[in-house]
Amino acid sequence: MQDTENQQVDNQLNIELDEKTAEGVYANLVMISHSPEEFILDFIRVMPGVPTARVKNRVIVTPPHARRLLRALRDNIDKYEASHGEIEEREQPGQPVRFGGVAGQA
């Protein structure tokens, strides 16, 4: 039994969160694209009346991780709605979106 407990402790991952990262970045739009090897999530902040929006963060994950992310997000939404009620989705304005600037390559 002692070996199993030691093995569990050895397999733990310590995650550090510095102060700047802990503040987070606000995004109200996510553009998702993919290649055979990865999913690319661009987190964007759109401001009312401003015709240009910048990508604030880009997160690139593998397809298996994207699936785990989907499951984790679904689980957290279910828990949120169980505590706070159903999330109301509002109609998004039909604003065309176009990427400008330097194109990324995978």
Protein backbone atom coordinates (compact mmCIF):
# COMPACT_ATOMS: atom_id res chain seq x y z
CA MET A 1 0.00 0.00 0.00
CA GLN A 2 2.88 2.38 0.80
CA ASP A 3 4.31 2.05 -2.76
CA THR A 4 0.95 3.04 -4.28
CA GLU A 5 0.77 6.16 -2.08
CA ASN A 6 4.36 7.16 -2.98
CA GLN A 7 3.61 6.60 -6.67
CA GLN A 8 0.57 8.89 -6.48
CA VAL A 9 2.65 11.63 -4.81
CA ASP A 10 5.42 11.25 -7.43
CA ASN A 11 2.85 11.64 -10.25
CA GLN A 12 1.50 14.95 -8.94
CA LEU A 13 2.00 18.05 -11.05
CA ASN A 14 2.63 21.31 -9.25
CA ILE A 15 1.22 24.22 -11.23
CA GLU A 16 2.47 27.74 -10.61
CA LEU A 17 0.39 30.82 -11.36
CA ASP A 18 2.22 34.13 -11.31
CA GLU A 19 0.45 37.36 -10.37
CA LYS A 20 0.26 38.79 -13.91
CA THR A 21 -1.19 35.58 -15.37
CA ALA A 22 -3.64 35.29 -12.48
CA GLU A 23 -5.19 38.62 -13.52
CA GLY A 24 -6.37 36.96 -16.72
CA VAL A 25 -7.27 38.50 -20.05
CA TYR A 26 -10.86 39.39 -20.96
CA ALA A 27 -12.14 38.02 -24.28
CA ASN A 28 -15.68 38.09 -25.67
CA LEU A 29 -15.00 36.30 -28.96
CA VAL A 30 -13.11 33.11 -29.74
CA MET A 31 -12.13 32.09 -33.26
CA ILE A 32 -11.24 28.41 -33.61
CA SER A 33 -9.34 26.85 -36.49
CA HIS A 34 -7.49 23.58 -36.91
CA SER A 35 -4.92 21.67 -38.90
CA PRO A 36 -4.34 17.91 -38.87
CA GLU A 37 -1.97 18.36 -35.91
CA GLU A 38 -3.50 21.10 -33.77
CA PHE A 39 -6.44 23.27 -32.78
CA ILE A 40 -5.85 27.03 -32.60
CA LEU A 41 -7.99 29.14 -30.27
CA ASP A 42 -7.70 32.91 -30.76
CA PHE A 43 -9.20 34.85 -27.85
CA ILE A 44 -10.33 38.30 -28.96
CA ARG A 45 -11.77 41.37 -27.25
CA VAL A 46 -14.39 43.18 -29.33
CA MET A 47 -15.34 46.70 -28.25
CA PRO A 48 -18.68 48.23 -29.28
CA GLY A 49 -18.34 50.78 -32.06
CA VAL A 50 -14.70 49.89 -32.77
CA PRO A 51 -14.23 48.30 -36.20
CA THR A 52 -10.94 46.54 -35.32
CA ALA A 53 -10.36 43.94 -32.63
CA ARG A 54 -7.06 42.37 -31.59
CA VAL A 55 -6.30 38.80 -30.69
CA LYS A 56 -5.40 39.00 -27.01
CA ASN A 57 -4.18 35.42 -26.61
CA ARG A 58 -3.64 32.43 -28.88
CA VAL A 59 -3.74 28.94 -27.41
CA ILE A 60 -2.63 25.98 -29.52
CA VAL A 61 -3.55 22.46 -28.40
CA THR A 62 -3.37 18.94 -29.79
CA PRO A 63 -6.58 17.24 -30.99
CA PRO A 64 -6.72 14.91 -27.94
CA HIS A 65 -6.30 17.89 -25.63
CA ALA A 66 -9.02 19.81 -27.52
CA ARG A 67 -11.39 16.91 -26.85
CA ARG A 68 -10.47 16.90 -23.14
CA LEU A 69 -10.99 20.68 -23.06
CA LEU A 70 -14.45 20.24 -24.61
CA ARG A 71 -15.40 17.65 -21.98
CA ALA A 72 -14.06 19.79 -19.12
CA LEU A 73 -15.88 22.88 -20.39
CA ARG A 74 -19.12 20.92 -20.81
CA ASP A 75 -18.78 19.55 -17.26
CA ASN A 76 -18.15 23.02 -15.82
CA ILE A 77 -21.09 24.55 -17.71
CA ASP A 78 -23.35 21.78 -16.36
CA LYS A 79 -22.15 22.50 -12.81
CA TYR A 80 -22.57 26.27 -13.29
CA GLU A 81 -26.12 25.86 -14.60
CA ALA A 82 -27.01 23.51 -11.75
CA SER A 83 -25.99 26.25 -9.28
CA HIS A 84 -27.01 29.43 -11.13
CA GLY A 85 -29.63 28.43 -13.69
CA GLU A 86 -29.45 28.04 -17.44
CA ILE A 87 -27.08 30.36 -19.28
CA GLU A 88 -29.06 32.63 -21.56
CA GLU A 89 -27.63 32.92 -25.05
CA ARG A 90 -28.18 36.23 -26.76
CA GLU A 91 -28.31 36.74 -30.49
CA GLN A 92 -24.96 37.98 -31.76
CA PRO A 93 -25.01 40.81 -34.30
CA GLY A 94 -24.14 39.59 -37.80
CA GLN A 95 -20.84 41.42 -37.95
CA PRO A 96 -18.45 40.10 -40.61
CA VAL A 97 -15.10 39.00 -39.22
CA ARG A 98 -11.87 39.23 -41.20
CA PHE A 99 -8.36 38.47 -40.03
CA GLY A 100 -5.75 41.03 -41.00
CA GLY A 101 -2.06 41.37 -40.29
CA VAL A 102 0.46 38.57 -40.51
CA ALA A 103 -0.99 35.17 -41.32
CA GLY A 104 0.06 32.31 -39.06
CA GLN A 105 1.45 29.05 -40.38
CA ALA A 106 1.33 25.62 -38.83
